[in-house]
Amino acid sequence: MKRDERIRIKQEEPDMQRLTEIIEKAVEPALIYKALVELGDLYVKRQEYEKAIGFYMHAEEICERNKFSGLLGLSFKIKRAEKENRVKKGEIWVCMECSFDNPSSITVCKNCGHAKVLRKSIKSDLLKQKQEIKKDVLNIIFPVAAITAGLHLIYFLLHLFAFLYSHMARWLSCSLILVFFALTIFFFIKLIVFVKNTVVPKLLK
């Protein structure tokens, strides 16, 4: 769920609570009817179509039972919510060209022959392909970069060891060489592990 959608849902909570209280406590049928329709509209915004249909149908029953004129568009709201619910469940898809309702088993519109547009599928496939390309590139670059850095490090250590060996006592230079070598290898391995476990996963996102 996106951040904007979460904020909108949170902002709607007081309205939903208020409408629910009206439905539970109000005596006037017209007030209950209005609250049911508004609550159904909020659930449509949340794409919770089955709940919306339930509130719309309840409102329609109250209208018929008390014999007063309700909203002219309520029947349309019910039909639209039922249609959206079928689309959400994957039972039908709506042609982008002519708005004809097609069964999910076909990929070409029965009415106009227009192909089904799989926007979400295409987008997810492209993102997946992009991640796979990134992964392949990093799998090639990372080992090469690590080997190159390792060779440069060895070159630097050899020069450092040669300098220490020629300017210090043999026992002292050998001790320092061993300490430097151990520390350098340790920190180099830690760096490689850090990059692999922390940096690379972020680059793959």
C-alpha atoms as a PDB file:
ATOM      1  CA  MET A   1       0.000   0.000   0.000  1.00  0.00           C
ATOM      2  CA  LYS A   2       1.361   3.422  -0.982  1.00  0.00           C
ATOM      3  CA  ARG A   3       2.050   6.131   1.594  1.00  0.00           C
ATOM      4  CA  ASP A   4      -0.560   8.544   0.165  1.00  0.00           C
ATOM      5  CA  GLU A   5      -3.181   5.803   0.266  1.00  0.00           C
ATOM      6  CA  ARG A   6      -2.348   4.980   3.891  1.00  0.00           C
ATOM      7  CA  ILE A   7      -2.698   8.658   4.827  1.00  0.00           C
ATOM      8  CA  ARG A   8      -6.051   8.907   3.018  1.00  0.00           C
ATOM      9  CA  ILE A   9      -7.393   5.799   4.765  1.00  0.00           C
ATOM     10  CA  LYS A  10      -6.286   7.151   8.141  1.00  0.00           C
ATOM     11  CA  GLN A  11      -8.027  10.467   7.422  1.00  0.00           C
ATOM     12  CA  GLU A  12     -11.227   8.608   6.504  1.00  0.00           C
ATOM     13  CA  GLU A  13     -11.381   6.696   9.813  1.00  0.00           C
ATOM     14  CA  PRO A  14     -13.256   9.449  11.760  1.00  0.00           C
ATOM     15  CA  ASP A  15     -15.842   9.707   8.964  1.00  0.00           C
ATOM     16  CA  MET A  16     -16.332   5.939   8.928  1.00  0.00           C
ATOM     17  CA  GLN A  17     -16.743   5.862  12.691  1.00  0.00           C
ATOM     18  CA  ARG A  18     -19.248   8.740  12.560  1.00  0.00           C
ATOM     19  CA  LEU A  19     -21.287   7.062   9.810  1.00  0.00           C
ATOM     20  CA  THR A  20     -21.252   3.732  11.667  1.00  0.00           C
ATOM     21  CA  GLU A  21     -22.598   5.450  14.802  1.00  0.00           C
ATOM     22  CA  ILE A  22     -25.399   7.048  12.768  1.00  0.00           C
ATOM     23  CA  ILE A  23     -26.359   3.662  11.310  1.00  0.00           C
ATOM     24  CA  GLU A  24     -26.402   2.061  14.769  1.00  0.00           C
ATOM     25  CA  LYS A  25     -28.114   4.853  16.729  1.00  0.00           C
ATOM     26  CA  ALA A  26     -30.200   6.962  14.338  1.00  0.00           C
ATOM     27  CA  VAL A  27     -33.976   6.542  14.291  1.00  0.00           C
ATOM     28  CA  GLU A  28     -34.782   8.459  11.112  1.00  0.00           C
ATOM     29  CA  PRO A  29     -34.609   6.046   8.109  1.00  0.00           C
ATOM     30  CA  ALA A  30     -33.452   8.813   5.764  1.00  0.00           C
ATOM     31  CA  LEU A  31     -30.395   9.495   7.961  1.00  0.00           C
ATOM     32  CA  ILE A  32     -29.519   5.793   8.106  1.00  0.00           C
ATOM     33  CA  TYR A  33     -29.980   5.525   4.338  1.00  0.00           C
ATOM     34  CA  LYS A  34     -27.656   8.473   3.687  1.00  0.00           C
ATOM     35  CA  ALA A  35     -25.005   7.131   6.096  1.00  0.00           C
ATOM     36  CA  LEU A  36     -25.103   3.679   4.458  1.00  0.00           C
ATOM     37  CA  VAL A  37     -24.584   5.145   0.985  1.00  0.00           C
ATOM     38  CA  GLU A  38     -21.711   7.378   2.149  1.00  0.00           C
ATOM     39  CA  LEU A  39     -20.074   4.459   3.948  1.00  0.00           C
ATOM     40  CA  GLY A  40     -20.408   2.369   0.789  1.00  0.00           C
ATOM     41  CA  ASP A  41     -18.707   5.162  -1.176  1.00  0.00           C
ATOM     42  CA  LEU A  42     -15.765   5.144   1.239  1.00  0.00           C
ATOM     43  CA  TYR A  43     -15.344   1.385   0.849  1.00  0.00           C
ATOM     44  CA  VAL A  44     -15.406   1.793  -2.943  1.00  0.00           C
ATOM     45  CA  LYS A  45     -12.474   4.213  -2.600  1.00  0.00           C
ATOM     46  CA  ARG A  46     -10.657   1.509  -0.644  1.00  0.00           C
ATOM     47  CA  GLN A  47     -11.519  -1.020  -3.370  1.00  0.00           C
ATOM     48  CA  GLU A  48     -13.356  -3.133  -0.787  1.00  0.00           C
ATOM     49  CA  TYR A  49     -16.248  -3.671  -3.157  1.00  0.00           C
ATOM     50  CA  GLU A  50     -18.042  -6.500  -1.344  1.00  0.00           C
ATOM     51  CA  LYS A  51     -18.420  -4.361   1.784  1.00  0.00           C
ATOM     52  CA  ALA A  52     -19.554  -1.417  -0.347  1.00  0.00           C
ATOM     53  CA  ILE A  53     -22.192  -3.571  -2.077  1.00  0.00           C
ATOM     54  CA  GLY A  54     -23.451  -4.736   1.329  1.00  0.00           C
ATOM     55  CA  PHE A  55     -23.995  -1.156   2.523  1.00  0.00           C
ATOM     56  CA  TYR A  56     -25.594  -0.094  -0.776  1.00  0.00           C
ATOM     57  CA  MET A  57     -27.995  -3.055  -0.695  1.00  0.00           C
ATOM     58  CA  HIS A  58     -28.875  -2.315   2.930  1.00  0.00           C
ATOM     59  CA  ALA A  59     -29.633   1.299   1.969  1.00  0.00           C
ATOM     60  CA  GLU A  60     -31.840   0.115  -0.888  1.00  0.00           C
ATOM     61  CA  GLU A  61     -33.762  -2.193   1.472  1.00  0.00           C
ATOM     62  CA  ILE A  62     -34.393   0.685   3.921  1.00  0.00           C
ATOM     63  CA  CYS A  63     -35.597   2.852   1.053  1.00  0.00           C
ATOM     64  CA  GLU A  64     -38.058   0.207  -0.169  1.00  0.00           C
ATOM     65  CA  ARG A  65     -39.246  -0.703   3.333  1.00  0.00           C
ATOM     66  CA  ASN A  66     -39.988   2.902   4.320  1.00  0.00           C
ATOM     67  CA  LYS A  67     -41.298   3.890   0.884  1.00  0.00           C
ATOM     68  CA  PHE A  68     -39.276   7.075   0.319  1.00  0.00           C
ATOM     69  CA  SER A  69     -37.338   8.286  -2.676  1.00  0.00           C
ATOM     70  CA  GLY A  70     -33.676   7.423  -2.499  1.00  0.00           C
ATOM     71  CA  LEU A  71     -30.759   8.456  -4.681  1.00  0.00           C
ATOM     72  CA  LEU A  72     -31.376   8.002  -8.394  1.00  0.00           C
ATOM     73  CA  GLY A  73     -27.796   6.804  -8.856  1.00  0.00           C
ATOM     74  CA  LEU A  74     -27.779   4.095  -6.172  1.00  0.00           C
ATOM     75  CA  SER A  75     -28.594   1.271  -8.585  1.00  0.00           C
ATOM     76  CA  PHE A  76     -25.713   2.467 -10.768  1.00  0.00           C
ATOM     77  CA  LYS A  77     -23.389   2.491  -7.731  1.00  0.00           C
ATOM     78  CA  ILE A  78     -24.348  -1.122  -6.978  1.00  0.00           C
ATOM     79  CA  LYS A  79     -23.788  -2.260 -10.573  1.00  0.00           C
ATOM     80  CA  ARG A  80     -20.469  -0.433 -10.763  1.00  0.00           C
ATOM     81  CA  ALA A  81     -19.248  -1.925  -7.464  1.00  0.00           C
ATOM     82  CA  GLU A  82     -20.313  -5.417  -8.595  1.00  0.00           C
ATOM     83  CA  LYS A  83     -18.441  -4.948 -11.863  1.00  0.00           C
ATOM     84  CA  GLU A  84     -15.301  -3.638 -10.138  1.00  0.00           C
ATOM     85  CA  ASN A  85     -15.461  -6.551  -7.710  1.00  0.00           C
ATOM     86  CA  ARG A  86     -15.533  -9.035 -10.598  1.00  0.00           C
ATOM     87  CA  VAL A  87     -12.567  -7.250 -12.209  1.00  0.00           C
ATOM     88  CA  LYS A  88     -10.675  -7.331  -8.902  1.00  0.00           C
ATOM     89  CA  LYS A  89     -11.336 -11.072  -8.543  1.00  0.00           C
ATOM     90  CA  GLY A  90     -10.107 -11.653 -12.096  1.00  0.00           C
ATOM     91  CA  GLU A  91     -13.454 -12.936 -13.355  1.00  0.00           C
ATOM     92  CA  ILE A  92     -13.673 -10.314 -16.125  1.00  0.00           C
ATOM     93  CA  TRP A  93     -11.561  -7.612 -17.760  1.00  0.00           C
ATOM     94  CA  VAL A  94     -12.797  -4.386 -19.347  1.00  0.00           C
ATOM     95  CA  CYS A  95     -11.643  -3.493 -22.850  1.00  0.00           C
ATOM     96  CA  MET A  96      -9.702  -0.211 -22.885  1.00  0.00           C
ATOM     97  CA  GLU A  97     -10.980   0.530 -26.385  1.00  0.00           C
ATOM     98  CA  CYS A  98     -14.757  -0.056 -26.177  1.00  0.00           C
ATOM     99  CA  SER A  99     -15.407  -0.712 -22.421  1.00  0.00           C
ATOM    100  CA  PHE A 100     -16.884  -4.149 -23.159  1.00  0.00           C
ATOM    101  CA  ASP A 101     -16.805  -6.705 -20.328  1.00  0.00           C
ATOM    102  CA  ASN A 102     -14.870  -9.812 -21.328  1.00  0.00           C
ATOM    103  CA  PRO A 103     -14.347 -13.108 -19.470  1.00  0.00           C
ATOM    104  CA  SER A 104     -10.861 -13.563 -18.027  1.00  0.00           C
ATOM    105  CA  SER A 105     -10.312 -16.683 -20.154  1.00  0.00           C
ATOM    106  CA  ILE A 106      -9.845 -14.644 -23.368  1.00  0.00           C
ATOM    107  CA  THR A 107      -7.174 -12.069 -24.244  1.00  0.00           C
ATOM    108  CA  VAL A 108      -8.929 -10.370 -27.190  1.00  0.00           C
ATOM    109  CA  CYS A 109     -12.106  -8.290 -26.805  1.00  0.00           C
ATOM    110  CA  LYS A 110     -15.219 -10.059 -28.088  1.00  0.00           C
ATOM    111  CA  ASN A 111     -16.735  -6.771 -29.196  1.00  0.00           C
ATOM    112  CA  CYS A 112     -13.934  -4.908 -30.999  1.00  0.00           C
ATOM    113  CA  GLY A 113     -11.018  -7.356 -31.175  1.00  0.00           C
ATOM    114  CA  HIS A 114      -8.724  -5.107 -29.132  1.00  0.00           C
ATOM    115  CA  ALA A 115      -6.024  -6.990 -27.202  1.00  0.00           C
ATOM    116  CA  LYS A 116      -6.099  -7.120 -23.422  1.00  0.00           C
ATOM    117  CA  VAL A 117      -3.677  -4.619 -21.886  1.00  0.00           C
ATOM    118  CA  LEU A 118      -1.680  -6.280 -19.112  1.00  0.00           C
ATOM    119  CA  ARG A 119      -0.252  -3.103 -17.614  1.00  0.00           C
ATOM    120  CA  LYS A 120       0.616  -4.472 -14.202  1.00  0.00           C
ATOM    121  CA  SER A 121       2.099  -7.649 -15.666  1.00  0.00           C
ATOM    122  CA  ILE A 122       4.205  -5.721 -18.159  1.00  0.00           C
ATOM    123  CA  LYS A 123       5.435  -3.341 -15.463  1.00  0.00           C
ATOM    124  CA  SER A 124       6.335  -6.171 -13.085  1.00  0.00           C
ATOM    125  CA  ASP A 125       8.094  -8.063 -15.896  1.00  0.00           C
ATOM    126  CA  LEU A 126      10.144  -4.978 -16.787  1.00  0.00           C
ATOM    127  CA  LEU A 127      11.126  -4.420 -13.151  1.00  0.00           C
ATOM    128  CA  LYS A 128      12.084  -8.078 -12.796  1.00  0.00           C
ATOM    129  CA  GLN A 129      14.120  -7.953 -15.996  1.00  0.00           C
ATOM    130  CA  LYS A 130      15.861  -4.773 -14.818  1.00  0.00           C
ATOM    131  CA  GLN A 131      16.784  -6.419 -11.496  1.00  0.00           C
ATOM    132  CA  GLU A 132      18.116  -9.506 -13.279  1.00  0.00           C
ATOM    133  CA  ILE A 133      20.286  -7.340 -15.555  1.00  0.00           C
ATOM    134  CA  LYS A 134      21.619  -5.440 -12.521  1.00  0.00           C
ATOM    135  CA  LYS A 135      22.353  -8.729 -10.766  1.00  0.00           C
ATOM    136  CA  ASP A 136      24.231 -10.130 -13.776  1.00  0.00           C
ATOM    137  CA  VAL A 137      26.274  -6.926 -14.148  1.00  0.00           C
ATOM    138  CA  LEU A 138      27.151  -6.821 -10.448  1.00  0.00           C
ATOM    139  CA  ASN A 139      28.056 -10.528 -10.473  1.00  0.00           C
ATOM    140  CA  ILE A 140      30.635  -9.698 -13.154  1.00  0.00           C
ATOM    141  CA  ILE A 141      31.846  -6.338 -11.821  1.00  0.00           C
ATOM    142  CA  PHE A 142      32.090  -7.230  -8.119  1.00  0.00           C
ATOM    143  CA  PRO A 143      34.593 -10.134  -8.427  1.00  0.00           C
ATOM    144  CA  VAL A 144      36.691  -8.180 -10.953  1.00  0.00           C
ATOM    145  CA  ALA A 145      36.739  -5.125  -8.666  1.00  0.00           C
ATOM    146  CA  ALA A 146      37.628  -7.284  -5.646  1.00  0.00           C
ATOM    147  CA  ILE A 147      40.488  -9.024  -7.504  1.00  0.00           C
ATOM    148  CA  THR A 148      41.810  -5.694  -8.840  1.00  0.00           C
ATOM    149  CA  ALA A 149      41.708  -4.135  -5.374  1.00  0.00           C
ATOM    150  CA  GLY A 150      43.410  -7.220  -3.937  1.00  0.00           C
ATOM    151  CA  LEU A 151      46.240  -7.057  -6.503  1.00  0.00           C
ATOM    152  CA  HIS A 152      46.806  -3.358  -5.790  1.00  0.00           C
ATOM    153  CA  LEU A 153      46.853  -4.120  -2.087  1.00  0.00           C
ATOM    154  CA  ILE A 154      49.433  -6.888  -2.561  1.00  0.00           C
ATOM    155  CA  TYR A 155      51.564  -4.530  -4.679  1.00  0.00           C
ATOM    156  CA  PHE A 156      51.416  -1.881  -1.926  1.00  0.00           C
ATOM    157  CA  LEU A 157      52.241  -4.417   0.806  1.00  0.00           C
ATOM    158  CA  LEU A 158      55.262  -5.759  -1.097  1.00  0.00           C
ATOM    159  CA  HIS A 159      56.714  -2.248  -1.389  1.00  0.00           C
ATOM    160  CA  LEU A 160      55.968  -1.536   2.257  1.00  0.00           C
ATOM    161  CA  PHE A 161      57.565  -4.807   3.368  1.00  0.00           C
ATOM    162  CA  ALA A 162      60.640  -4.122   1.229  1.00  0.00           C
ATOM    163  CA  PHE A 163      60.971  -0.673   2.806  1.00  0.00           C
ATOM    164  CA  LEU A 164      60.628  -2.011   6.357  1.00  0.00           C
ATOM    165  CA  TYR A 165      63.014  -4.896   5.691  1.00  0.00           C
ATOM    166  CA  SER A 166      65.720  -2.562   4.368  1.00  0.00           C
ATOM    167  CA  HIS A 167      65.399   0.148   7.034  1.00  0.00           C
ATOM    168  CA  MET A 168      64.871  -1.831  10.244  1.00  0.00           C
ATOM    169  CA  ALA A 169      66.342  -4.710  12.151  1.00  0.00           C
ATOM    170  CA  ARG A 170      65.374  -8.062  10.683  1.00  0.00           C
ATOM    171  CA  TRP A 171      63.443  -9.301  13.739  1.00  0.00           C
ATOM    172  CA  LEU A 172      61.516  -6.022  14.068  1.00  0.00           C
ATOM    173  CA  SER A 173      60.757  -5.723  10.358  1.00  0.00           C
ATOM    174  CA  CYS A 174      59.530  -9.341  10.210  1.00  0.00           C
ATOM    175  CA  SER A 175      57.261  -8.770  13.211  1.00  0.00           C
ATOM    176  CA  LEU A 176      55.823  -5.570  11.729  1.00  0.00           C
ATOM    177  CA  ILE A 177      55.369  -7.236   8.343  1.00  0.00           C
ATOM    178  CA  LEU A 178      53.358 -10.077   9.911  1.00  0.00           C
ATOM    179  CA  VAL A 179      51.192  -7.654  11.921  1.00  0.00           C
ATOM    180  CA  PHE A 180      50.561  -5.380   8.910  1.00  0.00           C
ATOM    181  CA  PHE A 181      49.789  -8.355   6.696  1.00  0.00           C
ATOM    182  CA  ALA A 182      47.316  -9.900   9.162  1.00  0.00           C
ATOM    183  CA  LEU A 183      45.528  -6.597   9.824  1.00  0.00           C
ATOM    184  CA  THR A 184      45.358  -5.694   6.141  1.00  0.00           C
ATOM    185  CA  ILE A 185      43.926  -9.070   5.135  1.00  0.00           C
ATOM    186  CA  PHE A 186      41.407  -8.911   8.007  1.00  0.00           C
ATOM    187  CA  PHE A 187      40.113  -5.440   7.122  1.00  0.00           C
ATOM    188  CA  PHE A 188      40.108  -6.200   3.400  1.00  0.00           C
ATOM    189  CA  ILE A 189      37.917  -9.280   3.961  1.00  0.00           C
ATOM    190  CA  LYS A 190      35.616  -7.256   6.257  1.00  0.00           C
ATOM    191  CA  LEU A 191      35.277  -4.612   3.535  1.00  0.00           C
ATOM    192  CA  ILE A 192      34.451  -7.215   0.872  1.00  0.00           C
ATOM    193  CA  VAL A 193      31.807  -8.811   3.124  1.00  0.00           C
ATOM    194  CA  PHE A 194      30.302  -5.395   3.957  1.00  0.00           C
ATOM    195  CA  VAL A 195      30.052  -4.395   0.299  1.00  0.00           C
ATOM    196  CA  LYS A 196      28.568  -7.765  -0.660  1.00  0.00           C
ATOM    197  CA  ASN A 197      25.981  -7.872   2.146  1.00  0.00           C
ATOM    198  CA  THR A 198      25.042  -4.188   2.412  1.00  0.00           C
ATOM    199  CA  VAL A 199      25.924  -2.213  -0.708  1.00  0.00           C
ATOM    200  CA  VAL A 200      25.141  -4.790  -3.408  1.00  0.00           C
ATOM    201  CA  PRO A 201      21.569  -5.575  -2.165  1.00  0.00           C
ATOM    202  CA  LYS A 202      20.764  -1.834  -2.191  1.00  0.00           C
ATOM    203  CA  LEU A 203      22.001  -1.548  -5.775  1.00  0.00           C
ATOM    204  CA  LEU A 204      19.713  -4.429  -6.781  1.00  0.00           C
ATOM    205  CA  LYS A 205      16.563  -2.635  -5.571  1.00  0.00           C
END
